[in-house]
Amino acid sequence: MNDSTSASDAPKEPGFHNPQRRFDALPDYRELEFEPIARSFRGYTVLTTAIWWLPIAAASAAANFIPGVTLLPGLIAPVALGLLALLIGVYRWVDAGRRGWALRDHDIAAREGIFWRKVTMLPFARIQHVETSSGPIERWKGLARLKLFTAGGMTSDLDIIGLEATTADTLREHLAEQIRLRDALADTAGDSEADSGNDSGDEGG
């Protein structure tokens, strides 16, 4: 008599199914209808770019009037910095138009990038913490950013910037509720398994 058991004869885990999926039957992420970010975010990108770069250009121009200090002859340095600031501002302006987000039943997605485009999807099952934040200029423009954290992460795993403050708050509350529901279901399932184990132990005894 052969005591060995073939793989087909081995007991299968109840309730577990892992059928193969055809690649051409997979859903296309490009079918997602991304929500655009706030219109005021483009103005925010222009303003913050100017706040960062214009003082640097002005300082480089003023340095030419300090005796013994010459960065580059004439206005070459401030003009070059001004052109660099303009290019960065245009890039951020276009990038703002490319950004978007989408919410589904089980995950949230974010899109960004111009030349190197990226779509990030984060399942609710992985989210452990969600928060909103905003700087002074963002608050002035009515903007906020949504930060999503996964287990063990010290920094956010997904940032969605350029949201209207009310939209960010609504998403935060919705995602927090999804986390609470997920944890409640997990606790209920754990209690059921523990009760089943206790019942089996009592019958065995």
N, C-alpha and C. Protein backbone atom coordinates (compact mmCIF):
# COMPACT_ATOMS: atom_id res chain seq x y z
N MET A 1 0.85 -1.19 0.00
CA MET A 1 0.00 0.00 0.00
C MET A 1 0.88 1.23 0.00
N ASN A 2 0.55 2.19 -0.83
CA ASN A 2 1.35 3.40 -0.94
C ASN A 2 0.76 4.46 -0.02
N ASP A 3 1.57 4.89 0.99
CA ASP A 3 1.10 5.86 1.98
C ASP A 3 1.23 7.30 1.48
N SER A 4 1.95 7.52 0.37
CA SER A 4 2.15 8.88 -0.12
C SER A 4 0.85 9.44 -0.66
N THR A 5 0.70 10.76 -0.52
CA THR A 5 -0.50 11.45 -0.97
C THR A 5 -0.13 12.42 -2.07
N SER A 6 -0.78 12.33 -3.19
CA SER A 6 -0.49 13.23 -4.30
C SER A 6 -1.02 14.62 -4.00
N ALA A 7 -0.51 15.63 -4.79
CA ALA A 7 -0.93 17.01 -4.59
C ALA A 7 -2.42 17.18 -4.84
N SER A 8 -2.96 16.37 -5.80
CA SER A 8 -4.38 16.49 -6.11
C SER A 8 -5.24 15.93 -5.01
N ASP A 9 -4.67 14.96 -4.23
CA ASP A 9 -5.43 14.35 -3.14
C ASP A 9 -5.32 15.13 -1.84
N ALA A 10 -4.39 16.10 -1.79
CA ALA A 10 -4.18 16.85 -0.56
C ALA A 10 -5.40 17.70 -0.25
N PRO A 11 -5.76 17.82 1.04
CA PRO A 11 -6.93 18.63 1.40
C PRO A 11 -6.72 20.09 1.03
N LYS A 12 -7.74 20.71 0.51
CA LYS A 12 -7.66 22.10 0.11
C LYS A 12 -8.18 22.99 1.22
N GLU A 13 -7.57 24.17 1.34
CA GLU A 13 -8.01 25.12 2.36
C GLU A 13 -9.42 25.57 2.06
N PRO A 14 -10.34 25.41 2.98
CA PRO A 14 -11.73 25.79 2.69
C PRO A 14 -11.88 27.28 2.44
N GLY A 15 -12.66 27.60 1.42
CA GLY A 15 -12.95 29.00 1.12
C GLY A 15 -11.86 29.71 0.34
N PHE A 16 -10.77 29.04 0.01
CA PHE A 16 -9.67 29.69 -0.71
C PHE A 16 -9.67 29.24 -2.16
N HIS A 17 -9.72 30.20 -3.07
CA HIS A 17 -9.68 29.91 -4.49
C HIS A 17 -8.68 30.86 -5.14
N ASN A 18 -7.89 30.33 -6.05
CA ASN A 18 -6.87 31.14 -6.71
C ASN A 18 -6.84 30.83 -8.20
N PRO A 19 -7.93 31.12 -8.91
CA PRO A 19 -7.96 30.81 -10.34
C PRO A 19 -7.05 31.74 -11.13
N GLN A 20 -6.58 31.24 -12.27
CA GLN A 20 -5.73 32.04 -13.14
C GLN A 20 -6.57 33.08 -13.87
N ARG A 21 -5.99 34.29 -14.04
CA ARG A 21 -6.66 35.38 -14.75
C ARG A 21 -5.96 35.62 -16.08
N ARG A 22 -6.72 35.77 -17.12
CA ARG A 22 -6.16 36.09 -18.43
C ARG A 22 -5.72 37.56 -18.45
N PHE A 23 -4.56 37.80 -19.04
CA PHE A 23 -4.03 39.17 -19.06
C PHE A 23 -4.95 40.11 -19.82
N ASP A 24 -5.52 39.64 -20.95
CA ASP A 24 -6.38 40.52 -21.73
C ASP A 24 -7.72 40.78 -21.06
N ALA A 25 -8.00 40.06 -19.95
CA ALA A 25 -9.25 40.29 -19.22
C ALA A 25 -9.06 41.21 -18.03
N LEU A 26 -7.82 41.63 -17.78
CA LEU A 26 -7.55 42.51 -16.65
C LEU A 26 -8.11 43.90 -16.91
N PRO A 27 -8.60 44.58 -15.87
CA PRO A 27 -9.10 45.95 -16.07
C PRO A 27 -7.96 46.90 -16.41
N ASP A 28 -8.23 47.88 -17.24
CA ASP A 28 -7.24 48.86 -17.67
C ASP A 28 -7.31 50.08 -16.76
N TYR A 29 -6.18 50.39 -16.10
CA TYR A 29 -6.17 51.53 -15.18
C TYR A 29 -6.43 52.83 -15.91
N ARG A 30 -6.19 52.85 -17.24
CA ARG A 30 -6.41 54.07 -18.00
C ARG A 30 -7.89 54.41 -18.13
N GLU A 31 -8.75 53.45 -17.77
CA GLU A 31 -10.19 53.72 -17.80
C GLU A 31 -10.63 54.54 -16.58
N LEU A 32 -9.74 54.73 -15.62
CA LEU A 32 -10.07 55.55 -14.47
C LEU A 32 -10.34 57.00 -14.90
N GLU A 33 -11.36 57.58 -14.38
CA GLU A 33 -11.66 58.98 -14.64
C GLU A 33 -11.10 59.81 -13.48
N PHE A 34 -9.91 60.36 -13.70
CA PHE A 34 -9.24 61.11 -12.65
C PHE A 34 -9.91 62.45 -12.43
N GLU A 35 -10.09 62.78 -11.16
CA GLU A 35 -10.61 64.09 -10.78
C GLU A 35 -9.46 65.10 -10.86
N PRO A 36 -9.67 66.26 -11.45
CA PRO A 36 -8.60 67.27 -11.49
C PRO A 36 -8.39 67.89 -10.11
N ILE A 37 -7.21 68.41 -9.89
CA ILE A 37 -6.95 69.11 -8.64
C ILE A 37 -7.54 70.51 -8.71
N ALA A 38 -7.44 71.24 -7.63
CA ALA A 38 -8.06 72.57 -7.56
C ALA A 38 -7.46 73.52 -8.61
N ARG A 39 -8.31 74.35 -9.18
CA ARG A 39 -7.85 75.31 -10.19
C ARG A 39 -6.85 76.30 -9.60
N SER A 40 -7.02 76.63 -8.34
CA SER A 40 -6.14 77.62 -7.70
C SER A 40 -4.73 77.08 -7.46
N PHE A 41 -4.53 75.76 -7.67
CA PHE A 41 -3.20 75.20 -7.43
C PHE A 41 -2.19 75.73 -8.43
N ARG A 42 -2.63 76.04 -9.64
CA ARG A 42 -1.69 76.59 -10.62
C ARG A 42 -1.17 77.95 -10.18
N GLY A 43 -2.07 78.76 -9.64
CA GLY A 43 -1.61 80.04 -9.11
C GLY A 43 -0.68 79.86 -7.93
N TYR A 44 -0.91 78.83 -7.14
CA TYR A 44 -0.03 78.52 -6.01
C TYR A 44 1.37 78.17 -6.51
N THR A 45 1.47 77.39 -7.59
CA THR A 45 2.79 77.01 -8.10
C THR A 45 3.57 78.23 -8.59
N VAL A 46 2.87 79.16 -9.27
CA VAL A 46 3.54 80.38 -9.76
C VAL A 46 4.01 81.22 -8.58
N LEU A 47 3.15 81.38 -7.60
CA LEU A 47 3.49 82.23 -6.45
C LEU A 47 4.66 81.66 -5.67
N THR A 48 4.64 80.38 -5.38
CA THR A 48 5.72 79.78 -4.59
C THR A 48 7.03 79.75 -5.36
N THR A 49 6.96 79.58 -6.68
CA THR A 49 8.19 79.63 -7.49
C THR A 49 8.80 81.03 -7.44
N ALA A 50 7.96 82.05 -7.55
CA ALA A 50 8.45 83.42 -7.49
C ALA A 50 9.03 83.74 -6.11
N ILE A 51 8.34 83.30 -5.06
CA ILE A 51 8.82 83.57 -3.70
C ILE A 51 10.18 82.93 -3.47
N TRP A 52 10.42 81.78 -4.06
CA TRP A 52 11.68 81.08 -3.84
C TRP A 52 12.82 81.65 -4.68
N TRP A 53 12.56 81.95 -5.96
CA TRP A 53 13.64 82.28 -6.88
C TRP A 53 13.92 83.77 -7.04
N LEU A 54 12.91 84.61 -6.97
CA LEU A 54 13.15 86.03 -7.19
C LEU A 54 14.11 86.64 -6.17
N PRO A 55 14.00 86.32 -4.88
CA PRO A 55 15.00 86.86 -3.94
C PRO A 55 16.42 86.41 -4.26
N ILE A 56 16.57 85.19 -4.76
CA ILE A 56 17.91 84.70 -5.12
C ILE A 56 18.45 85.51 -6.29
N ALA A 57 17.60 85.75 -7.30
CA ALA A 57 18.03 86.55 -8.45
C ALA A 57 18.36 87.98 -8.03
N ALA A 58 17.55 88.55 -7.13
CA ALA A 58 17.81 89.92 -6.66
C ALA A 58 19.11 89.99 -5.88
N ALA A 59 19.37 88.95 -5.07
CA ALA A 59 20.60 88.94 -4.28
C ALA A 59 21.83 88.82 -5.18
N SER A 60 21.70 88.02 -6.25
CA SER A 60 22.85 87.89 -7.16
C SER A 60 23.11 89.21 -7.90
N ALA A 61 22.04 89.96 -8.20
CA ALA A 61 22.23 91.27 -8.85
C ALA A 61 22.85 92.26 -7.88
N ALA A 62 22.40 92.24 -6.63
CA ALA A 62 22.93 93.18 -5.63
C ALA A 62 24.39 92.88 -5.32
N ALA A 63 24.79 91.61 -5.47
CA ALA A 63 26.18 91.26 -5.15
C ALA A 63 27.17 91.97 -6.06
N ASN A 64 26.72 92.34 -7.27
CA ASN A 64 27.63 93.03 -8.20
C ASN A 64 27.98 94.44 -7.73
N PHE A 65 27.19 94.98 -6.81
CA PHE A 65 27.46 96.32 -6.31
C PHE A 65 28.31 96.32 -5.03
N ILE A 66 28.67 95.13 -4.56
CA ILE A 66 29.52 95.02 -3.38
C ILE A 66 30.97 95.04 -3.85
N PRO A 67 31.78 95.96 -3.34
CA PRO A 67 33.18 96.04 -3.78
C PRO A 67 33.92 94.72 -3.58
N GLY A 68 34.60 94.30 -4.61
CA GLY A 68 35.41 93.09 -4.51
C GLY A 68 34.62 91.81 -4.71
N VAL A 69 33.31 91.89 -4.96
CA VAL A 69 32.49 90.69 -5.16
C VAL A 69 31.83 90.78 -6.53
N THR A 70 32.13 89.82 -7.38
CA THR A 70 31.51 89.75 -8.71
C THR A 70 31.22 88.29 -9.02
N LEU A 71 29.97 87.96 -9.06
CA LEU A 71 29.60 86.58 -9.39
C LEU A 71 29.83 86.34 -10.88
N LEU A 72 29.17 87.11 -11.70
CA LEU A 72 29.36 87.09 -13.15
C LEU A 72 29.24 88.54 -13.64
N PRO A 73 29.89 88.88 -14.73
CA PRO A 73 29.84 90.27 -15.20
C PRO A 73 28.41 90.74 -15.48
N GLY A 74 28.12 91.98 -15.10
CA GLY A 74 26.84 92.59 -15.41
C GLY A 74 25.66 91.86 -14.77
N LEU A 75 24.62 91.70 -15.58
CA LEU A 75 23.39 91.08 -15.08
C LEU A 75 23.24 89.63 -15.55
N ILE A 76 24.37 89.01 -15.91
CA ILE A 76 24.29 87.64 -16.42
C ILE A 76 23.70 86.70 -15.37
N ALA A 77 24.19 86.81 -14.13
CA ALA A 77 23.72 85.89 -13.08
C ALA A 77 22.23 86.08 -12.78
N PRO A 78 21.76 87.30 -12.51
CA PRO A 78 20.32 87.43 -12.21
C PRO A 78 19.42 87.08 -13.39
N VAL A 79 19.87 87.40 -14.61
CA VAL A 79 19.06 87.05 -15.78
C VAL A 79 18.99 85.53 -15.95
N ALA A 80 20.12 84.85 -15.76
CA ALA A 80 20.14 83.39 -15.87
C ALA A 80 19.24 82.76 -14.81
N LEU A 81 19.32 83.29 -13.59
CA LEU A 81 18.46 82.77 -12.52
C LEU A 81 16.99 83.06 -12.81
N GLY A 82 16.72 84.23 -13.38
CA GLY A 82 15.34 84.56 -13.74
C GLY A 82 14.79 83.62 -14.79
N LEU A 83 15.60 83.28 -15.80
CA LEU A 83 15.17 82.34 -16.83
C LEU A 83 14.96 80.94 -16.25
N LEU A 84 15.85 80.55 -15.32
CA LEU A 84 15.69 79.26 -14.67
C LEU A 84 14.39 79.21 -13.87
N ALA A 85 14.11 80.30 -13.15
CA ALA A 85 12.86 80.36 -12.39
C ALA A 85 11.65 80.29 -13.32
N LEU A 86 11.75 80.94 -14.49
CA LEU A 86 10.65 80.91 -15.44
C LEU A 86 10.42 79.48 -15.95
N LEU A 87 11.49 78.78 -16.27
CA LEU A 87 11.36 77.41 -16.75
C LEU A 87 10.75 76.50 -15.68
N ILE A 88 11.21 76.67 -14.44
CA ILE A 88 10.65 75.87 -13.35
C ILE A 88 9.18 76.19 -13.15
N GLY A 89 8.84 77.48 -13.22
CA GLY A 89 7.44 77.88 -13.07
C GLY A 89 6.56 77.30 -14.16
N VAL A 90 7.03 77.31 -15.40
CA VAL A 90 6.25 76.73 -16.51
C VAL A 90 6.09 75.24 -16.32
N TYR A 91 7.16 74.57 -15.91
CA TYR A 91 7.09 73.13 -15.69
C TYR A 91 6.06 72.80 -14.61
N ARG A 92 6.09 73.53 -13.51
CA ARG A 92 5.14 73.26 -12.42
C ARG A 92 3.72 73.59 -12.84
N TRP A 93 3.55 74.62 -13.68
CA TRP A 93 2.23 74.99 -14.18
C TRP A 93 1.63 73.85 -15.01
N VAL A 94 2.45 73.31 -15.93
CA VAL A 94 1.98 72.21 -16.78
C VAL A 94 1.74 70.96 -15.95
N ASP A 95 2.65 70.69 -15.01
CA ASP A 95 2.52 69.52 -14.15
C ASP A 95 1.22 69.58 -13.33
N ALA A 96 0.85 70.77 -12.89
CA ALA A 96 -0.39 70.92 -12.12
C ALA A 96 -1.60 70.49 -12.95
N GLY A 97 -1.55 70.76 -14.26
CA GLY A 97 -2.64 70.34 -15.12
C GLY A 97 -2.70 68.86 -15.36
N ARG A 98 -1.58 68.17 -15.16
CA ARG A 98 -1.53 66.72 -15.36
C ARG A 98 -1.95 65.94 -14.12
N ARG A 99 -1.91 66.56 -12.97
CA ARG A 99 -2.20 65.85 -11.73
C ARG A 99 -3.69 65.55 -11.60
N GLY A 100 -3.97 64.46 -10.90
CA GLY A 100 -5.37 64.09 -10.66
C GLY A 100 -5.45 62.97 -9.65
N TRP A 101 -6.66 62.67 -9.22
CA TRP A 101 -6.87 61.60 -8.24
C TRP A 101 -8.18 60.90 -8.56
N ALA A 102 -8.30 59.66 -8.10
CA ALA A 102 -9.50 58.87 -8.32
C ALA A 102 -9.74 57.99 -7.10
N LEU A 103 -11.00 57.87 -6.74
CA LEU A 103 -11.40 57.08 -5.58
C LEU A 103 -12.30 55.94 -6.04
N ARG A 104 -11.94 54.70 -5.63
CA ARG A 104 -12.77 53.55 -5.95
C ARG A 104 -13.22 52.89 -4.64
N ASP A 105 -13.91 51.76 -4.77
CA ASP A 105 -14.46 51.10 -3.58
C ASP A 105 -13.37 50.59 -2.65
N HIS A 106 -12.23 50.19 -3.22
CA HIS A 106 -11.21 49.53 -2.40
C HIS A 106 -9.84 50.19 -2.48
N ASP A 107 -9.68 51.25 -3.25
CA ASP A 107 -8.37 51.90 -3.31
C ASP A 107 -8.53 53.34 -3.75
N ILE A 108 -7.42 54.06 -3.65
CA ILE A 108 -7.35 55.45 -4.11
C ILE A 108 -6.14 55.57 -5.02
N ALA A 109 -6.27 56.34 -6.08
CA ALA A 109 -5.20 56.46 -7.07
C ALA A 109 -4.84 57.93 -7.26
N ALA A 110 -3.58 58.16 -7.63
CA ALA A 110 -3.09 59.51 -7.90
C ALA A 110 -2.23 59.48 -9.15
N ARG A 111 -2.35 60.53 -9.96
CA ARG A 111 -1.60 60.64 -11.21
C ARG A 111 -0.77 61.91 -11.18
N GLU A 112 0.47 61.83 -11.70
CA GLU A 112 1.34 63.00 -11.76
C GLU A 112 2.40 62.79 -12.83
N GLY A 113 3.11 63.88 -13.14
CA GLY A 113 4.24 63.78 -14.06
C GLY A 113 3.94 64.29 -15.45
N ILE A 114 4.98 64.78 -16.12
CA ILE A 114 4.87 65.26 -17.50
C ILE A 114 5.65 64.32 -18.42
N PHE A 115 6.97 64.32 -18.28
CA PHE A 115 7.79 63.43 -19.09
C PHE A 115 7.83 62.03 -18.49
N TRP A 116 8.03 61.95 -17.19
CA TRP A 116 7.99 60.68 -16.48
C TRP A 116 6.67 60.62 -15.72
N ARG A 117 5.69 59.99 -16.31
CA ARG A 117 4.36 59.95 -15.74
C ARG A 117 4.22 58.78 -14.77
N LYS A 118 3.47 59.00 -13.73
CA LYS A 118 3.32 57.98 -12.69
C LYS A 118 1.88 57.93 -12.21
N VAL A 119 1.36 56.71 -12.08
CA VAL A 119 0.06 56.48 -11.47
C VAL A 119 0.27 55.56 -10.27
N THR A 120 -0.11 56.03 -9.10
CA THR A 120 0.05 55.27 -7.87
C THR A 120 -1.32 54.88 -7.33
N MET A 121 -1.47 53.60 -6.99
CA MET A 121 -2.72 53.11 -6.41
C MET A 121 -2.42 52.53 -5.04
N LEU A 122 -3.19 52.93 -4.05
CA LEU A 122 -2.98 52.47 -2.68
C LEU A 122 -4.28 51.84 -2.17
N PRO A 123 -4.26 50.52 -1.91
CA PRO A 123 -5.47 49.86 -1.40
C PRO A 123 -5.80 50.33 0.01
N PHE A 124 -7.08 50.41 0.32
CA PHE A 124 -7.50 50.78 1.67
C PHE A 124 -6.94 49.81 2.71
N ALA A 125 -6.78 48.53 2.30
CA ALA A 125 -6.32 47.51 3.25
C ALA A 125 -4.93 47.81 3.79
N ARG A 126 -4.14 48.61 3.07
CA ARG A 126 -2.78 48.91 3.51
C ARG A 126 -2.69 50.21 4.30
N ILE A 127 -3.72 51.04 4.22
CA ILE A 127 -3.65 52.36 4.86
C ILE A 127 -3.85 52.21 6.36
N GLN A 128 -2.93 52.76 7.14
CA GLN A 128 -3.01 52.72 8.59
C GLN A 128 -3.34 54.09 9.19
N HIS A 129 -2.99 55.13 8.48
CA HIS A 129 -3.17 56.48 9.02
C HIS A 129 -3.34 57.46 7.87
N VAL A 130 -4.21 58.43 8.05
CA VAL A 130 -4.44 59.44 7.02
C VAL A 130 -4.55 60.80 7.68
N GLU A 131 -3.97 61.81 7.05
CA GLU A 131 -4.01 63.16 7.61
C GLU A 131 -3.98 64.20 6.49
N THR A 132 -4.40 65.39 6.82
CA THR A 132 -4.30 66.51 5.89
C THR A 132 -3.35 67.55 6.48
N SER A 133 -2.70 68.29 5.60
CA SER A 133 -1.79 69.34 6.05
C SER A 133 -1.81 70.47 5.04
N SER A 134 -1.41 71.65 5.49
CA SER A 134 -1.36 72.81 4.60
C SER A 134 -0.43 73.86 5.20
N GLY A 135 0.33 74.51 4.32
CA GLY A 135 1.18 75.61 4.74
C GLY A 135 0.43 76.93 4.68
N PRO A 136 1.08 78.01 5.08
CA PRO A 136 0.40 79.32 5.08
C PRO A 136 -0.13 79.73 3.71
N ILE A 137 0.67 79.54 2.67
CA ILE A 137 0.22 79.94 1.33
C ILE A 137 -0.90 79.02 0.85
N GLU A 138 -0.78 77.73 1.17
CA GLU A 138 -1.86 76.81 0.79
C GLU A 138 -3.17 77.20 1.46
N ARG A 139 -3.11 77.55 2.74
CA ARG A 139 -4.34 77.96 3.44
C ARG A 139 -4.90 79.23 2.83
N TRP A 140 -4.03 80.15 2.44
CA TRP A 140 -4.48 81.39 1.83
C TRP A 140 -5.20 81.13 0.50
N LYS A 141 -4.71 80.11 -0.23
CA LYS A 141 -5.31 79.77 -1.52
C LYS A 141 -6.44 78.75 -1.36
N GLY A 142 -6.76 78.34 -0.12
CA GLY A 142 -7.82 77.37 0.10
C GLY A 142 -7.45 75.96 -0.29
N LEU A 143 -6.16 75.62 -0.17
CA LEU A 143 -5.65 74.31 -0.59
C LEU A 143 -5.19 73.49 0.61
N ALA A 144 -5.08 72.19 0.38
CA ALA A 144 -4.54 71.28 1.39
C ALA A 144 -4.02 70.04 0.67
N ARG A 145 -3.22 69.27 1.36
CA ARG A 145 -2.70 68.03 0.79
C ARG A 145 -3.11 66.85 1.68
N LEU A 146 -3.37 65.72 1.04
CA LEU A 146 -3.78 64.50 1.74
C LEU A 146 -2.59 63.57 1.82
N LYS A 147 -2.27 63.11 3.03
CA LYS A 147 -1.13 62.22 3.24
C LYS A 147 -1.63 60.87 3.74
N LEU A 148 -1.17 59.80 3.07
CA LEU A 148 -1.60 58.45 3.42
C LEU A 148 -0.38 57.65 3.87
N PHE A 149 -0.52 56.98 4.99
CA PHE A 149 0.57 56.21 5.58
C PHE A 149 0.18 54.73 5.64
N THR A 150 1.15 53.85 5.37
CA THR A 150 0.94 52.42 5.50
C THR A 150 1.64 51.92 6.75
N ALA A 151 1.49 50.63 7.04
CA ALA A 151 2.04 50.06 8.27
C ALA A 151 3.55 50.21 8.32
N GLY A 152 4.04 50.69 9.44
CA GLY A 152 5.47 50.79 9.67
C GLY A 152 6.15 51.93 8.97
N GLY A 153 5.40 52.79 8.29
CA GLY A 153 6.01 53.89 7.56
C GLY A 153 6.15 55.13 8.41
N MET A 154 7.36 55.73 8.40
CA MET A 154 7.59 56.96 9.14
C MET A 154 7.19 58.18 8.31
N THR A 155 7.20 58.02 6.99
CA THR A 155 6.78 59.09 6.10
C THR A 155 5.59 58.60 5.28
N SER A 156 4.86 59.54 4.71
CA SER A 156 3.67 59.18 3.95
C SER A 156 4.05 58.41 2.69
N ASP A 157 3.24 57.42 2.34
CA ASP A 157 3.49 56.61 1.15
C ASP A 157 2.83 57.22 -0.08
N LEU A 158 1.84 58.08 0.12
CA LEU A 158 1.18 58.73 -0.99
C LEU A 158 0.72 60.12 -0.55
N ASP A 159 1.16 61.13 -1.28
CA ASP A 159 0.73 62.52 -1.05
C ASP A 159 -0.07 62.98 -2.26
N ILE A 160 -1.26 63.47 -2.01
CA ILE A 160 -2.06 64.07 -3.06
C ILE A 160 -2.12 65.56 -2.78
N ILE A 161 -1.42 66.35 -3.58
CA ILE A 161 -1.33 67.78 -3.33
C ILE A 161 -2.28 68.54 -4.26
N GLY A 162 -2.52 69.80 -3.92
CA GLY A 162 -3.35 70.63 -4.78
C GLY A 162 -4.83 70.41 -4.63
N LEU A 163 -5.25 69.80 -3.53
CA LEU A 163 -6.68 69.58 -3.30
C LEU A 163 -7.30 70.82 -2.67
N GLU A 164 -8.57 71.06 -2.98
CA GLU A 164 -9.30 72.05 -2.20
C GLU A 164 -9.39 71.56 -0.76
N ALA A 165 -9.33 72.49 0.18
CA ALA A 165 -9.31 72.11 1.59
C ALA A 165 -10.52 71.27 1.97
N THR A 166 -11.70 71.63 1.46
CA THR A 166 -12.90 70.86 1.78
C THR A 166 -12.84 69.46 1.19
N THR A 167 -12.29 69.34 -0.02
CA THR A 167 -12.14 68.02 -0.64
C THR A 167 -11.18 67.15 0.15
N ALA A 168 -10.06 67.73 0.59
CA ALA A 168 -9.08 66.97 1.38
C ALA A 168 -9.70 66.49 2.69
N ASP A 169 -10.47 67.35 3.34
CA ASP A 169 -11.10 66.96 4.61
C ASP A 169 -12.13 65.85 4.39
N THR A 170 -12.90 65.95 3.31
CA THR A 170 -13.91 64.92 3.01
C THR A 170 -13.24 63.58 2.73
N LEU A 171 -12.17 63.59 1.93
CA LEU A 171 -11.44 62.35 1.65
C LEU A 171 -10.83 61.77 2.91
N ARG A 172 -10.28 62.63 3.76
CA ARG A 172 -9.69 62.14 5.01
C ARG A 172 -10.72 61.43 5.86
N GLU A 173 -11.90 62.01 6.01
CA GLU A 173 -12.94 61.39 6.83
C GLU A 173 -13.44 60.10 6.20
N HIS A 174 -13.57 60.09 4.87
CA HIS A 174 -14.03 58.87 4.20
C HIS A 174 -13.03 57.74 4.38
N LEU A 175 -11.75 58.04 4.17
CA LEU A 175 -10.73 57.00 4.32
C LEU A 175 -10.61 56.54 5.77
N ALA A 176 -10.74 57.47 6.72
CA ALA A 176 -10.69 57.09 8.13
C ALA A 176 -11.84 56.15 8.47
N GLU A 177 -13.01 56.40 7.88
CA GLU A 177 -14.15 55.51 8.11
C GLU A 177 -13.90 54.14 7.50
N GLN A 178 -13.28 54.09 6.32
CA GLN A 178 -12.95 52.81 5.71
C GLN A 178 -11.97 52.01 6.58
N ILE A 179 -11.03 52.71 7.19
CA ILE A 179 -10.08 52.04 8.08
C ILE A 179 -10.80 51.49 9.29
N ARG A 180 -11.72 52.28 9.87
CA ARG A 180 -12.47 51.81 11.04
C ARG A 180 -13.32 50.59 10.70
N LEU A 181 -13.98 50.60 9.54
CA LEU A 181 -14.79 49.46 9.13
C LEU A 181 -13.93 48.23 8.92
N ARG A 182 -12.77 48.41 8.28
CA ARG A 182 -11.87 47.28 8.04
C ARG A 182 -11.40 46.68 9.35
N ASP A 183 -11.00 47.52 10.30
CA ASP A 183 -10.52 47.02 11.58
C ASP A 183 -11.64 46.35 12.37
N ALA A 184 -12.86 46.89 12.27
CA ALA A 184 -13.99 46.27 12.98
C ALA A 184 -14.29 44.89 12.41
N LEU A 185 -14.23 44.75 11.09
CA LEU A 185 -14.46 43.45 10.47
C LEU A 185 -13.36 42.46 10.86
N ALA A 186 -12.14 42.95 10.91
CA ALA A 186 -11.03 42.08 11.30
C ALA A 186 -11.19 41.61 12.74
N ASP A 187 -11.61 42.51 13.63
CA ASP A 187 -11.83 42.13 15.03
C ASP A 187 -12.96 41.12 15.15
N THR A 188 -14.03 41.32 14.37
CA THR A 188 -15.16 40.39 14.41
C THR A 188 -14.75 39.01 13.91
N ALA A 189 -13.96 38.99 12.82
CA ALA A 189 -13.48 37.70 12.30
C ALA A 189 -12.57 37.02 13.30
N GLY A 190 -11.72 37.80 13.99
CA GLY A 190 -10.84 37.21 15.00
C GLY A 190 -11.61 36.64 16.16
N ASP A 191 -12.65 37.35 16.59
CA ASP A 191 -13.47 36.84 17.69
C ASP A 191 -14.19 35.56 17.28
N SER A 192 -14.67 35.50 16.03
CA SER A 192 -15.36 34.30 15.56
C SER A 192 -14.43 33.11 15.52
N GLU A 193 -13.20 33.33 15.06
CA GLU A 193 -12.22 32.24 15.03
C GLU A 193 -11.88 31.78 16.45
N ALA A 194 -11.77 32.75 17.36
CA ALA A 194 -11.46 32.37 18.74
C ALA A 194 -12.60 31.58 19.35
N ASP A 195 -13.85 31.97 19.08
CA ASP A 195 -15.00 31.22 19.60
C ASP A 195 -15.05 29.83 19.02
N SER A 196 -14.73 29.71 17.72
CA SER A 196 -14.72 28.39 17.08
C SER A 196 -13.67 27.51 17.70
N GLY A 197 -12.50 28.11 17.98
CA GLY A 197 -11.45 27.33 18.61
C GLY A 197 -11.82 26.88 20.00
N ASN A 198 -12.50 27.75 20.76
CA ASN A 198 -12.93 27.38 22.11
C ASN A 198 -13.97 26.27 22.06
N ASP A 199 -14.91 26.34 21.09
CA ASP A 199 -15.92 25.31 20.95
C ASP A 199 -15.31 23.98 20.60
N SER A 200 -14.31 24.00 19.71
CA SER A 200 -13.63 22.74 19.34
C SER A 200 -12.91 22.16 20.54
N GLY A 201 -12.31 23.05 21.32
CA GLY A 201 -11.60 22.57 22.51
C GLY A 201 -12.55 21.96 23.53
N ASP A 202 -13.73 22.59 23.68
CA ASP A 202 -14.70 22.04 24.63
C ASP A 202 -15.22 20.69 24.19
N GLU A 203 -15.45 20.53 22.86
CA GLU A 203 -15.93 19.25 22.36
C GLU A 203 -14.87 18.18 22.51
N GLY A 204 -13.62 18.60 22.26
CA GLY A 204 -12.54 17.62 22.39
C GLY A 204 -12.38 17.17 23.82
N GLY A 205 -12.65 18.10 24.78
CA GLY A 205 -12.50 17.75 26.17
C GLY A 205 -13.61 16.85 26.63
